[in-house]
Amino acid sequence: MSAVNHAVQLFEYGGPECLRVVDLPIPTPGPGEVRVRVLASSVNYTETLIRQHLYPQTAAYKLPFVMGYDVVGEIDEVHPDVVQFKVGDRVADMTVVGSDATYRLLKAKDLTIVPQGIDPAEAATLILSWTTAYQMLHRSAKVKPGQRILVHGAGGAVGQALLSLARIAGIETWGAANSKHSGLIRELGATPIDYEHEDFAKVLPDGFDVVFDGIGEDGYRRSFQSLRRGGLLVAIGFSASVQAKLRMLAILAMIARMYLWGWLPGGKRTRFYSINVMRARHSDWFKSDLACLFQLLSQRRIKPKVAERISFADVPNAHRRLESGGLEGKLVLCPA
């Protein structure tokens, strides 16, 4: 075991310069816990919101704290009361914070086994982005073969996952993104829509069955308008509002207003998806859905893209790269 526990800590809210690499004590598992040696932790756009104090789930956290939304690790110590896992098992968890480290503690009840032979970096990319996509498709929207859906931000991590999983599910899909992602969108089995030169609301005169919107441009209004009668808008994020520097209260008001549209004539429905809320309500769903994704990865039916494997010192710049946009794969912290 390494004698050093490196970690990426957020010491104040602000820009990427507020992240620093520190050395922390190596923790000891308590009741119901295991300790893992971290093999991979993907860097997610959501973490740039956490860093800016714009993420509701972490708004009350006391600084400083260690970043790291997800983790794949190898168990190197277990508490005596943990019987379902052993030293050497590879496991995964969605942690929200705390996984950008050499070692960390995890609750045994939350863990999903990572099958042998899976690349830890590829496995880490599935925990937040792909599980989000899987649950939006199959838990929130309950999509059916033959439906027609629109994915905003199709070149991003969640967007790519939505396109890939929709193809497996037999869904006809359109992906809206910058034109530079058109080739990738076609490769994933969808029809590209160029944000700069095409109006997505006019692509289907009858409207889409489901629209997945992780951007929130114009407060989701045009996405709602592009639905067919009885269609569903699944909102996931609000990056446009973040870029416009709206305060959290204004963002929450925008989401609340979106829910009111569901009462308008026409039968269109709206839903805001949160992976944390879904997991709190249905923890068994999260583990079974992630296990399903690991199985798809083992069979190579899905191919998550790892843009680069990075070190602790690279994490602040990874945040800058995420905020600049244009990445077609995940940046993954690999401590080794």
C-alpha atoms as a PDB file:
ATOM      1  CA  MET A   1       0.000   0.000   0.000  1.00  0.00           C
ATOM      2  CA  SER A   2       1.226   3.478  -0.870  1.00  0.00           C
ATOM      3  CA  ALA A   3       2.029   5.592   2.194  1.00  0.00           C
ATOM      4  CA  VAL A   4       0.577   8.715   0.575  1.00  0.00           C
ATOM      5  CA  ASN A   5      -3.033   9.669  -0.031  1.00  0.00           C
ATOM      6  CA  HIS A   6      -3.032  12.389  -2.667  1.00  0.00           C
ATOM      7  CA  ALA A   7      -6.338  14.209  -3.210  1.00  0.00           C
ATOM      8  CA  VAL A   8      -7.769  17.135  -5.189  1.00  0.00           C
ATOM      9  CA  GLN A   9      -9.380  19.500  -2.728  1.00  0.00           C
ATOM     10  CA  LEU A  10     -11.699  22.482  -3.284  1.00  0.00           C
ATOM     11  CA  PHE A  11     -10.694  25.102  -0.733  1.00  0.00           C
ATOM     12  CA  GLU A  12     -12.990  27.939  -1.893  1.00  0.00           C
ATOM     13  CA  TYR A  13     -15.720  28.371  -4.495  1.00  0.00           C
ATOM     14  CA  GLY A  14     -14.644  29.905  -7.770  1.00  0.00           C
ATOM     15  CA  GLY A  15     -12.509  29.026 -10.783  1.00  0.00           C
ATOM     16  CA  PRO A  16     -10.255  26.028 -11.440  1.00  0.00           C
ATOM     17  CA  GLU A  17      -7.495  27.785  -9.501  1.00  0.00           C
ATOM     18  CA  CYS A  18      -9.504  26.981  -6.347  1.00  0.00           C
ATOM     19  CA  LEU A  19      -8.525  23.321  -6.716  1.00  0.00           C
ATOM     20  CA  ARG A  20      -5.297  22.096  -5.172  1.00  0.00           C
ATOM     21  CA  VAL A  21      -3.545  18.781  -4.668  1.00  0.00           C
ATOM     22  CA  VAL A  22      -3.048  17.916  -0.992  1.00  0.00           C
ATOM     23  CA  ASP A  23      -1.822  14.945   1.030  1.00  0.00           C
ATOM     24  CA  LEU A  24      -4.356  13.523   3.475  1.00  0.00           C
ATOM     25  CA  PRO A  25      -4.247  10.702   6.040  1.00  0.00           C
ATOM     26  CA  ILE A  26      -5.057   7.228   4.712  1.00  0.00           C
ATOM     27  CA  PRO A  27      -8.500   6.403   6.156  1.00  0.00           C
ATOM     28  CA  THR A  28      -9.491   3.264   8.063  1.00  0.00           C
ATOM     29  CA  PRO A  29     -12.852   1.588   7.336  1.00  0.00           C
ATOM     30  CA  GLY A  30     -15.601   1.868   9.950  1.00  0.00           C
ATOM     31  CA  PRO A  31     -18.667  -0.363  10.351  1.00  0.00           C
ATOM     32  CA  GLY A  32     -20.227  -1.201   6.975  1.00  0.00           C
ATOM     33  CA  GLU A  33     -17.310   0.308   5.054  1.00  0.00           C
ATOM     34  CA  VAL A  34     -14.513  -0.776   2.752  1.00  0.00           C
ATOM     35  CA  ARG A  35     -11.412   1.127   1.669  1.00  0.00           C
ATOM     36  CA  VAL A  36     -10.520   1.201  -1.978  1.00  0.00           C
ATOM     37  CA  ARG A  37      -7.391   2.125  -3.837  1.00  0.00           C
ATOM     38  CA  VAL A  38      -8.795   4.401  -6.513  1.00  0.00           C
ATOM     39  CA  LEU A  39      -8.195   3.157 -10.050  1.00  0.00           C
ATOM     40  CA  ALA A  40     -10.247   5.749 -11.937  1.00  0.00           C
ATOM     41  CA  SER A  41     -12.466   8.754 -11.283  1.00  0.00           C
ATOM     42  CA  SER A  42     -13.940  10.584 -14.257  1.00  0.00           C
ATOM     43  CA  VAL A  43     -14.012  14.392 -14.331  1.00  0.00           C
ATOM     44  CA  ASN A  44     -17.574  15.516 -15.065  1.00  0.00           C
ATOM     45  CA  TYR A  45     -19.082  18.821 -16.172  1.00  0.00           C
ATOM     46  CA  THR A  46     -21.247  18.645 -13.047  1.00  0.00           C
ATOM     47  CA  GLU A  47     -18.099  19.124 -10.987  1.00  0.00           C
ATOM     48  CA  THR A  48     -17.538  22.543 -12.548  1.00  0.00           C
ATOM     49  CA  LEU A  49     -20.960  23.476 -11.124  1.00  0.00           C
ATOM     50  CA  ILE A  50     -19.972  22.116  -7.706  1.00  0.00           C
ATOM     51  CA  ARG A  51     -16.787  24.190  -7.878  1.00  0.00           C
ATOM     52  CA  GLN A  52     -18.792  27.351  -8.660  1.00  0.00           C
ATOM     53  CA  HIS A  53     -21.313  26.712  -5.843  1.00  0.00           C
ATOM     54  CA  LEU A  54     -24.093  26.148  -8.411  1.00  0.00           C
ATOM     55  CA  TYR A  55     -24.987  22.536  -7.627  1.00  0.00           C
ATOM     56  CA  PRO A  56     -27.940  22.152  -5.230  1.00  0.00           C
ATOM     57  CA  GLN A  57     -26.862  18.787  -3.805  1.00  0.00           C
ATOM     58  CA  THR A  58     -23.560  20.147  -2.501  1.00  0.00           C
ATOM     59  CA  ALA A  59     -24.563  23.753  -1.772  1.00  0.00           C
ATOM     60  CA  ALA A  60     -24.477  23.181   2.003  1.00  0.00           C
ATOM     61  CA  TYR A  61     -21.171  21.294   2.090  1.00  0.00           C
ATOM     62  CA  LYS A  62     -18.504  22.775   4.328  1.00  0.00           C
ATOM     63  CA  LEU A  63     -15.220  23.728   2.669  1.00  0.00           C
ATOM     64  CA  PRO A  64     -12.653  22.379   2.086  1.00  0.00           C
ATOM     65  CA  PHE A  65     -13.693  19.033   0.610  1.00  0.00           C
ATOM     66  CA  VAL A  66     -12.264  16.564  -1.880  1.00  0.00           C
ATOM     67  CA  MET A  67     -13.704  16.521  -5.391  1.00  0.00           C
ATOM     68  CA  GLY A  68     -14.605  13.392  -7.347  1.00  0.00           C
ATOM     69  CA  TYR A  69     -18.122  12.421  -8.449  1.00  0.00           C
ATOM     70  CA  ASP A  70     -17.557   8.743  -9.219  1.00  0.00           C
ATOM     71  CA  VAL A  71     -15.059   6.012  -8.527  1.00  0.00           C
ATOM     72  CA  VAL A  72     -13.810   2.634  -9.652  1.00  0.00           C
ATOM     73  CA  GLY A  73     -11.474   1.135  -7.106  1.00  0.00           C
ATOM     74  CA  GLU A  74      -9.916  -2.050  -5.802  1.00  0.00           C
ATOM     75  CA  ILE A  75     -10.756  -2.978  -2.220  1.00  0.00           C
ATOM     76  CA  ASP A  76      -7.640  -3.162  -0.073  1.00  0.00           C
ATOM     77  CA  GLU A  77      -9.267  -3.289   3.382  1.00  0.00           C
ATOM     78  CA  VAL A  78     -12.705  -4.256   4.689  1.00  0.00           C
ATOM     79  CA  HIS A  79     -14.335  -3.753   8.076  1.00  0.00           C
ATOM     80  CA  PRO A  80     -14.910  -7.122   9.831  1.00  0.00           C
ATOM     81  CA  ASP A  81     -18.704  -6.735   9.591  1.00  0.00           C
ATOM     82  CA  VAL A  82     -18.610  -6.540   5.764  1.00  0.00           C
ATOM     83  CA  VAL A  83     -19.121 -10.031   4.354  1.00  0.00           C
ATOM     84  CA  GLN A  84     -20.318  -9.418   0.765  1.00  0.00           C
ATOM     85  CA  PHE A  85     -16.965  -8.037  -0.448  1.00  0.00           C
ATOM     86  CA  LYS A  86     -13.343  -9.043  -0.018  1.00  0.00           C
ATOM     87  CA  VAL A  87      -9.893  -7.577  -0.562  1.00  0.00           C
ATOM     88  CA  GLY A  88      -9.107  -7.517  -4.281  1.00  0.00           C
ATOM     89  CA  ASP A  89     -12.688  -6.998  -5.477  1.00  0.00           C
ATOM     90  CA  ARG A  90     -13.124  -4.195  -7.981  1.00  0.00           C
ATOM     91  CA  VAL A  91     -16.133  -2.037  -7.213  1.00  0.00           C
ATOM     92  CA  ALA A  92     -17.815   1.154  -8.398  1.00  0.00           C
ATOM     93  CA  ASP A  93     -19.888   3.862  -6.763  1.00  0.00           C
ATOM     94  CA  MET A  94     -21.294   7.330  -7.429  1.00  0.00           C
ATOM     95  CA  THR A  95     -19.960   9.445  -4.589  1.00  0.00           C
ATOM     96  CA  VAL A  96     -20.696  13.085  -5.663  1.00  0.00           C
ATOM     97  CA  VAL A  97     -17.543  14.195  -3.829  1.00  0.00           C
ATOM     98  CA  GLY A  98     -14.448  12.588  -2.363  1.00  0.00           C
ATOM     99  CA  SER A  99     -13.137  10.306  -5.109  1.00  0.00           C
ATOM    100  CA  ASP A 100     -10.301  12.362  -6.599  1.00  0.00           C
ATOM    101  CA  ALA A 101      -7.911  10.656  -4.198  1.00  0.00           C
ATOM    102  CA  THR A 102      -5.501   7.755  -3.910  1.00  0.00           C
ATOM    103  CA  TYR A 103      -7.646   6.063  -1.254  1.00  0.00           C
ATOM    104  CA  ARG A 104     -11.193   6.550  -0.045  1.00  0.00           C
ATOM    105  CA  LEU A 105     -13.834   4.859   2.093  1.00  0.00           C
ATOM    106  CA  LEU A 106     -17.078   3.554   0.600  1.00  0.00           C
ATOM    107  CA  LYS A 107     -20.259   2.114   2.094  1.00  0.00           C
ATOM    108  CA  ALA A 108     -20.511  -1.555   1.179  1.00  0.00           C
ATOM    109  CA  LYS A 109     -24.288  -1.343   0.685  1.00  0.00           C
ATOM    110  CA  ASP A 110     -23.842   1.140  -2.189  1.00  0.00           C
ATOM    111  CA  LEU A 111     -21.284  -0.776  -4.252  1.00  0.00           C
ATOM    112  CA  THR A 112     -21.589  -2.451  -7.636  1.00  0.00           C
ATOM    113  CA  ILE A 113     -19.085  -5.128  -8.656  1.00  0.00           C
ATOM    114  CA  VAL A 114     -16.978  -4.281 -11.714  1.00  0.00           C
ATOM    115  CA  PRO A 115     -16.567  -7.421 -13.844  1.00  0.00           C
ATOM    116  CA  GLN A 116     -13.086  -8.771 -14.521  1.00  0.00           C
ATOM    117  CA  GLY A 117     -11.450  -7.595 -17.728  1.00  0.00           C
ATOM    118  CA  ILE A 118     -13.140  -4.168 -17.868  1.00  0.00           C
ATOM    119  CA  ASP A 119     -10.891  -1.136 -18.238  1.00  0.00           C
ATOM    120  CA  PRO A 120     -11.346   0.887 -14.995  1.00  0.00           C
ATOM    121  CA  ALA A 121     -11.271   4.191 -16.902  1.00  0.00           C
ATOM    122  CA  GLU A 122     -14.018   3.059 -19.275  1.00  0.00           C
ATOM    123  CA  ALA A 123     -16.011   1.712 -16.330  1.00  0.00           C
ATOM    124  CA  ALA A 124     -15.748   5.066 -14.538  1.00  0.00           C
ATOM    125  CA  THR A 125     -17.265   6.902 -17.514  1.00  0.00           C
ATOM    126  CA  LEU A 126     -20.457   4.828 -17.108  1.00  0.00           C
ATOM    127  CA  ILE A 127     -21.205   5.719 -13.492  1.00  0.00           C
ATOM    128  CA  LEU A 128     -22.636   9.223 -13.901  1.00  0.00           C
ATOM    129  CA  SER A 129     -23.095   9.982 -17.593  1.00  0.00           C
ATOM    130  CA  TRP A 130     -24.234   6.582 -18.877  1.00  0.00           C
ATOM    131  CA  THR A 131     -26.369   5.711 -15.847  1.00  0.00           C
ATOM    132  CA  THR A 132     -28.021   9.112 -16.216  1.00  0.00           C
ATOM    133  CA  ALA A 133     -28.759   8.362 -19.879  1.00  0.00           C
ATOM    134  CA  TYR A 134     -29.978   4.829 -19.144  1.00  0.00           C
ATOM    135  CA  GLN A 135     -32.348   5.989 -16.415  1.00  0.00           C
ATOM    136  CA  MET A 136     -33.703   8.900 -18.436  1.00  0.00           C
ATOM    137  CA  LEU A 137     -34.499   6.550 -21.303  1.00  0.00           C
ATOM    138  CA  HIS A 138     -35.854   3.586 -19.385  1.00  0.00           C
ATOM    139  CA  ARG A 139     -36.946   4.907 -15.971  1.00  0.00           C
ATOM    140  CA  SER A 140     -38.156   8.450 -16.707  1.00  0.00           C
ATOM    141  CA  ALA A 141     -39.277   8.360 -20.357  1.00  0.00           C
ATOM    142  CA  LYS A 142     -39.934   4.584 -20.584  1.00  0.00           C
ATOM    143  CA  VAL A 143     -39.101   4.751 -24.302  1.00  0.00           C
ATOM    144  CA  LYS A 144     -40.503   2.212 -26.738  1.00  0.00           C
ATOM    145  CA  PRO A 145     -39.153   0.958 -30.075  1.00  0.00           C
ATOM    146  CA  GLY A 146     -40.242   3.149 -32.960  1.00  0.00           C
ATOM    147  CA  GLN A 147     -40.510   6.351 -30.973  1.00  0.00           C
ATOM    148  CA  ARG A 148     -38.747   9.479 -32.232  1.00  0.00           C
ATOM    149  CA  ILE A 149     -36.587  11.400 -29.801  1.00  0.00           C
ATOM    150  CA  LEU A 150     -34.388  14.496 -29.806  1.00  0.00           C
ATOM    151  CA  VAL A 151     -31.205  14.755 -27.739  1.00  0.00           C
ATOM    152  CA  HIS A 152     -29.759  18.210 -27.065  1.00  0.00           C
ATOM    153  CA  GLY A 153     -26.028  18.460 -26.444  1.00  0.00           C
ATOM    154  CA  ALA A 154     -25.606  15.211 -28.364  1.00  0.00           C
ATOM    155  CA  GLY A 155     -21.826  15.611 -28.560  1.00  0.00           C
ATOM    156  CA  GLY A 156     -21.446  15.653 -24.768  1.00  0.00           C
ATOM    157  CA  ALA A 157     -20.952  12.698 -22.449  1.00  0.00           C
ATOM    158  CA  VAL A 158     -24.630  12.196 -21.550  1.00  0.00           C
ATOM    159  CA  GLY A 159     -25.686  12.980 -25.120  1.00  0.00           C
ATOM    160  CA  GLN A 160     -23.407  10.331 -26.601  1.00  0.00           C
ATOM    161  CA  ALA A 161     -24.661   7.812 -24.070  1.00  0.00           C
ATOM    162  CA  LEU A 162     -28.287   8.637 -24.921  1.00  0.00           C
ATOM    163  CA  LEU A 163     -27.646   8.140 -28.644  1.00  0.00           C
ATOM    164  CA  SER A 164     -25.854   4.832 -28.105  1.00  0.00           C
ATOM    165  CA  LEU A 165     -28.466   3.395 -25.742  1.00  0.00           C
ATOM    166  CA  ALA A 166     -31.361   4.658 -27.881  1.00  0.00           C
ATOM    167  CA  ARG A 167     -29.938   2.767 -30.874  1.00  0.00           C
ATOM    168  CA  ILE A 168     -29.804  -0.439 -28.805  1.00  0.00           C
ATOM    169  CA  ALA A 169     -33.425   0.176 -27.779  1.00  0.00           C
ATOM    170  CA  GLY A 170     -34.622   0.617 -31.382  1.00  0.00           C
ATOM    171  CA  ILE A 171     -35.391   4.325 -31.079  1.00  0.00           C
ATOM    172  CA  GLU A 172     -35.217   6.760 -34.008  1.00  0.00           C
ATOM    173  CA  THR A 173     -32.998   9.562 -32.767  1.00  0.00           C
ATOM    174  CA  TRP A 174     -31.927  13.083 -33.714  1.00  0.00           C
ATOM    175  CA  GLY A 175     -28.899  14.649 -32.046  1.00  0.00           C
ATOM    176  CA  ALA A 176     -28.573  18.421 -31.817  1.00  0.00           C
ATOM    177  CA  ALA A 177     -25.050  19.786 -31.437  1.00  0.00           C
ATOM    178  CA  ASN A 178     -22.357  21.904 -33.027  1.00  0.00           C
ATOM    179  CA  SER A 179     -21.638  20.847 -36.620  1.00  0.00           C
ATOM    180  CA  LYS A 180     -18.181  19.552 -35.668  1.00  0.00           C
ATOM    181  CA  HIS A 181     -19.910  16.686 -33.860  1.00  0.00           C
ATOM    182  CA  SER A 182     -21.998  15.643 -36.883  1.00  0.00           C
ATOM    183  CA  GLY A 183     -19.735  12.731 -37.815  1.00  0.00           C
ATOM    184  CA  LEU A 184     -19.768  11.388 -34.274  1.00  0.00           C
ATOM    185  CA  ILE A 185     -23.573  11.675 -34.072  1.00  0.00           C
ATOM    186  CA  ARG A 186     -23.976   9.708 -37.317  1.00  0.00           C
ATOM    187  CA  GLU A 187     -21.497   7.121 -36.047  1.00  0.00           C
ATOM    188  CA  LEU A 188     -23.729   6.649 -32.980  1.00  0.00           C
ATOM    189  CA  GLY A 189     -26.745   5.974 -35.174  1.00  0.00           C
ATOM    190  CA  ALA A 190     -28.562   9.317 -35.010  1.00  0.00           C
ATOM    191  CA  THR A 191     -29.428  12.106 -37.435  1.00  0.00           C
ATOM    192  CA  PRO A 192     -27.409  15.251 -36.648  1.00  0.00           C
ATOM    193  CA  ILE A 193     -29.001  18.681 -36.290  1.00  0.00           C
ATOM    194  CA  ASP A 194     -26.611  21.620 -36.600  1.00  0.00           C
ATOM    195  CA  TYR A 195     -27.452  24.161 -33.897  1.00  0.00           C
ATOM    196  CA  GLU A 196     -25.959  27.010 -35.926  1.00  0.00           C
ATOM    197  CA  HIS A 197     -27.840  26.449 -39.189  1.00  0.00           C
ATOM    198  CA  GLU A 198     -30.919  24.314 -38.426  1.00  0.00           C
ATOM    199  CA  ASP A 199     -34.029  24.920 -36.321  1.00  0.00           C
ATOM    200  CA  PHE A 200     -34.593  21.735 -34.337  1.00  0.00           C
ATOM    201  CA  ALA A 201     -38.210  22.756 -33.663  1.00  0.00           C
ATOM    202  CA  LYS A 202     -38.972  22.476 -37.404  1.00  0.00           C
ATOM    203  CA  VAL A 203     -37.308  19.123 -38.081  1.00  0.00           C
ATOM    204  CA  LEU A 204     -40.459  17.083 -37.382  1.00  0.00           C
ATOM    205  CA  PRO A 205     -43.732  18.887 -38.203  1.00  0.00           C
ATOM    206  CA  ASP A 206     -45.653  16.484 -35.936  1.00  0.00           C
ATOM    207  CA  GLY A 207     -43.163  16.871 -33.101  1.00  0.00           C
ATOM    208  CA  PHE A 208     -40.928  14.505 -31.142  1.00  0.00           C
ATOM    209  CA  ASP A 209     -42.166  11.848 -28.740  1.00  0.00           C
ATOM    210  CA  VAL A 210     -39.462  12.746 -26.220  1.00  0.00           C
ATOM    211  CA  VAL A 211     -36.945  15.579 -25.987  1.00  0.00           C
ATOM    212  CA  PHE A 212     -33.956  15.242 -23.653  1.00  0.00           C
ATOM    213  CA  ASP A 213     -32.620  18.693 -22.780  1.00  0.00           C
ATOM    214  CA  GLY A 214     -29.462  19.110 -20.716  1.00  0.00           C
ATOM    215  CA  ILE A 215     -28.881  22.703 -21.815  1.00  0.00           C
ATOM    216  CA  GLY A 216     -32.031  24.674 -20.936  1.00  0.00           C
ATOM    217  CA  GLU A 217     -31.658  27.306 -23.650  1.00  0.00           C
ATOM    218  CA  ASP A 218     -34.519  29.852 -23.432  1.00  0.00           C
ATOM    219  CA  GLY A 219     -35.726  28.148 -20.254  1.00  0.00           C
ATOM    220  CA  TYR A 220     -36.629  24.921 -22.124  1.00  0.00           C
ATOM    221  CA  ARG A 221     -39.423  26.721 -24.025  1.00  0.00           C
ATOM    222  CA  ARG A 222     -38.466  25.699 -27.555  1.00  0.00           C
ATOM    223  CA  SER A 223     -37.839  22.107 -26.512  1.00  0.00           C
ATOM    224  CA  PHE A 224     -41.352  22.008 -25.070  1.00  0.00           C
ATOM    225  CA  GLN A 225     -42.772  23.502 -28.259  1.00  0.00           C
ATOM    226  CA  SER A 226     -41.064  20.832 -30.403  1.00  0.00           C
ATOM    227  CA  LEU A 227     -42.988  17.996 -28.689  1.00  0.00           C
ATOM    228  CA  ARG A 228     -45.902  16.245 -30.314  1.00  0.00           C
ATOM    229  CA  ARG A 229     -49.232  16.239 -28.499  1.00  0.00           C
ATOM    230  CA  GLY A 230     -48.767  14.002 -25.480  1.00  0.00           C
ATOM    231  CA  GLY A 231     -44.966  14.141 -25.788  1.00  0.00           C
ATOM    232  CA  LEU A 232     -42.513  14.346 -22.894  1.00  0.00           C
ATOM    233  CA  LEU A 233     -39.745  16.840 -22.126  1.00  0.00           C
ATOM    234  CA  VAL A 234     -37.068  15.365 -19.855  1.00  0.00           C
ATOM    235  CA  ALA A 235     -34.812  18.129 -18.559  1.00  0.00           C
ATOM    236  CA  ILE A 236     -31.555  17.229 -16.931  1.00  0.00           C
ATOM    237  CA  GLY A 237     -29.388  20.328 -16.679  1.00  0.00           C
ATOM    238  CA  PHE A 238     -29.122  24.052 -17.121  1.00  0.00           C
ATOM    239  CA  SER A 239     -25.718  24.768 -18.651  1.00  0.00           C
ATOM    240  CA  ALA A 240     -27.114  27.711 -20.648  1.00  0.00           C
ATOM    241  CA  SER A 241     -28.210  29.345 -17.406  1.00  0.00           C
ATOM    242  CA  VAL A 242     -24.787  28.760 -15.868  1.00  0.00           C
ATOM    243  CA  GLN A 243     -23.095  30.341 -18.881  1.00  0.00           C
ATOM    244  CA  ALA A 244     -25.500  33.289 -18.562  1.00  0.00           C
ATOM    245  CA  LYS A 245     -24.373  33.524 -14.911  1.00  0.00           C
ATOM    246  CA  LEU A 246     -27.883  33.203 -13.499  1.00  0.00           C
ATOM    247  CA  ARG A 247     -28.122  32.735  -9.748  1.00  0.00           C
ATOM    248  CA  MET A 248     -29.324  29.431  -8.288  1.00  0.00           C
ATOM    249  CA  LEU A 249     -32.684  30.911  -7.246  1.00  0.00           C
ATOM    250  CA  ALA A 250     -33.376  32.015 -10.828  1.00  0.00           C
ATOM    251  CA  ILE A 251     -32.413  28.574 -12.155  1.00  0.00           C
ATOM    252  CA  LEU A 252     -34.729  26.831  -9.681  1.00  0.00           C
ATOM    253  CA  ALA A 253     -37.565  29.211 -10.622  1.00  0.00           C
ATOM    254  CA  MET A 254     -37.026  28.328 -14.288  1.00  0.00           C
ATOM    255  CA  ILE A 255     -37.314  24.611 -13.482  1.00  0.00           C
ATOM    256  CA  ALA A 256     -40.466  25.200 -11.419  1.00  0.00           C
ATOM    257  CA  ARG A 257     -42.015  27.126 -14.328  1.00  0.00           C
ATOM    258  CA  MET A 258     -41.250  24.214 -16.629  1.00  0.00           C
ATOM    259  CA  TYR A 259     -43.338  21.922 -14.439  1.00  0.00           C
ATOM    260  CA  LEU A 260     -46.319  24.285 -14.747  1.00  0.00           C
ATOM    261  CA  TRP A 261     -46.325  23.796 -18.532  1.00  0.00           C
ATOM    262  CA  GLY A 262     -47.543  20.261 -17.926  1.00  0.00           C
ATOM    263  CA  TRP A 263     -50.928  21.760 -17.002  1.00  0.00           C
ATOM    264  CA  LEU A 264     -51.322  23.511 -20.351  1.00  0.00           C
ATOM    265  CA  PRO A 265     -53.753  22.160 -22.996  1.00  0.00           C
ATOM    266  CA  GLY A 266     -52.231  19.635 -25.392  1.00  0.00           C
ATOM    267  CA  GLY A 267     -51.256  16.889 -22.978  1.00  0.00           C
ATOM    268  CA  LYS A 268     -47.530  17.564 -23.165  1.00  0.00           C
ATOM    269  CA  ARG A 269     -45.609  16.492 -20.094  1.00  0.00           C
ATOM    270  CA  THR A 270     -42.440  17.691 -18.361  1.00  0.00           C
ATOM    271  CA  ARG A 271     -40.049  16.048 -15.960  1.00  0.00           C
ATOM    272  CA  PHE A 272     -36.759  17.135 -14.399  1.00  0.00           C
ATOM    273  CA  TYR A 273     -34.402  14.220 -13.927  1.00  0.00           C
ATOM    274  CA  SER A 274     -31.868  14.129 -11.091  1.00  0.00           C
ATOM    275  CA  ILE A 275     -29.726  11.041 -10.687  1.00  0.00           C
ATOM    276  CA  ASN A 276     -29.313  11.823  -6.981  1.00  0.00           C
ATOM    277  CA  VAL A 277     -33.066  12.085  -6.392  1.00  0.00           C
ATOM    278  CA  MET A 278     -33.684   8.921  -8.409  1.00  0.00           C
ATOM    279  CA  ARG A 279     -31.045   7.052  -6.420  1.00  0.00           C
ATOM    280  CA  ALA A 280     -32.416   8.276  -3.087  1.00  0.00           C
ATOM    281  CA  ARG A 281     -35.857   6.961  -4.031  1.00  0.00           C
ATOM    282  CA  HIS A 282     -34.730   3.757  -5.766  1.00  0.00           C
ATOM    283  CA  SER A 283     -31.235   2.755  -4.681  1.00  0.00           C
ATOM    284  CA  ASP A 284     -31.754  -0.732  -6.095  1.00  0.00           C
ATOM    285  CA  TRP A 285     -32.413   0.741  -9.558  1.00  0.00           C
ATOM    286  CA  PHE A 286     -29.057   2.524  -9.551  1.00  0.00           C
ATOM    287  CA  LYS A 287     -27.076  -0.621  -8.785  1.00  0.00           C
ATOM    288  CA  SER A 288     -29.000  -2.797 -11.238  1.00  0.00           C
ATOM    289  CA  ASP A 289     -28.800  -0.190 -14.022  1.00  0.00           C
ATOM    290  CA  LEU A 290     -25.059   0.293 -13.519  1.00  0.00           C
ATOM    291  CA  ALA A 291     -24.563  -3.497 -13.491  1.00  0.00           C
ATOM    292  CA  CYS A 292     -26.488  -3.680 -16.780  1.00  0.00           C
ATOM    293  CA  LEU A 293     -24.173  -1.069 -18.300  1.00  0.00           C
ATOM    294  CA  PHE A 294     -21.104  -2.965 -17.105  1.00  0.00           C
ATOM    295  CA  GLN A 295     -22.510  -6.050 -18.835  1.00  0.00           C
ATOM    296  CA  LEU A 296     -23.025  -4.106 -22.076  1.00  0.00           C
ATOM    297  CA  LEU A 297     -19.440  -2.875 -21.792  1.00  0.00           C
ATOM    298  CA  SER A 298     -18.161  -6.417 -21.220  1.00  0.00           C
ATOM    299  CA  GLN A 299     -19.962  -7.474 -24.396  1.00  0.00           C
ATOM    300  CA  ARG A 300     -18.572  -4.388 -26.233  1.00  0.00           C
ATOM    301  CA  ARG A 301     -22.115  -3.406 -27.203  1.00  0.00           C
ATOM    302  CA  ILE A 302     -21.297   0.078 -25.915  1.00  0.00           C
ATOM    303  CA  LYS A 303     -18.020   1.923 -26.414  1.00  0.00           C
ATOM    304  CA  PRO A 304     -17.554   4.846 -24.008  1.00  0.00           C
ATOM    305  CA  LYS A 305     -14.892   7.275 -25.142  1.00  0.00           C
ATOM    306  CA  VAL A 306     -11.981   8.135 -22.873  1.00  0.00           C
ATOM    307  CA  ALA A 307     -10.432  11.333 -24.220  1.00  0.00           C
ATOM    308  CA  GLU A 308      -7.447  11.247 -21.881  1.00  0.00           C
ATOM    309  CA  ARG A 309      -6.200   9.653 -18.669  1.00  0.00           C
ATOM    310  CA  ILE A 310      -4.886  12.374 -16.370  1.00  0.00           C
ATOM    311  CA  SER A 311      -2.966  12.819 -13.123  1.00  0.00           C
ATOM    312  CA  PHE A 312      -3.896  14.759  -9.975  1.00  0.00           C
ATOM    313  CA  ALA A 313      -2.030  17.855 -11.164  1.00  0.00           C
ATOM    314  CA  ASP A 314      -4.055  17.852 -14.395  1.00  0.00           C
ATOM    315  CA  VAL A 315      -7.491  18.136 -12.735  1.00  0.00           C
ATOM    316  CA  PRO A 316      -7.713  21.970 -12.633  1.00  0.00           C
ATOM    317  CA  ASN A 317      -6.926  22.148 -16.343  1.00  0.00           C
ATOM    318  CA  ALA A 318      -9.454  19.369 -16.965  1.00  0.00           C
ATOM    319  CA  HIS A 319     -12.104  21.687 -15.492  1.00  0.00           C
ATOM    320  CA  ARG A 320     -11.008  24.425 -17.901  1.00  0.00           C
ATOM    321  CA  ARG A 321     -11.220  22.045 -20.839  1.00  0.00           C
ATOM    322  CA  LEU A 322     -14.723  20.945 -19.828  1.00  0.00           C
ATOM    323  CA  GLU A 323     -15.901  24.530 -19.581  1.00  0.00           C
ATOM    324  CA  SER A 324     -14.416  25.333 -22.982  1.00  0.00           C
ATOM    325  CA  GLY A 325     -16.380  22.474 -24.547  1.00  0.00           C
ATOM    326  CA  GLY A 326     -15.572  20.403 -27.603  1.00  0.00           C
ATOM    327  CA  LEU A 327     -14.444  17.194 -25.896  1.00  0.00           C
ATOM    328  CA  GLU A 328     -15.840  14.022 -27.450  1.00  0.00           C
ATOM    329  CA  GLY A 329     -14.798  11.761 -24.583  1.00  0.00           C
ATOM    330  CA  LYS A 330     -14.249  11.741 -20.834  1.00  0.00           C
ATOM    331  CA  LEU A 331     -11.194  12.985 -18.983  1.00  0.00           C
ATOM    332  CA  VAL A 332     -10.453  10.351 -16.341  1.00  0.00           C
ATOM    333  CA  LEU A 333      -8.217  10.725 -13.318  1.00  0.00           C
ATOM    334  CA  CYS A 334      -6.095   7.579 -12.986  1.00  0.00           C
ATOM    335  CA  PRO A 335      -4.008   7.923  -9.790  1.00  0.00           C
ATOM    336  CA  ALA A 336      -1.586   5.148 -10.751  1.00  0.00           C
END
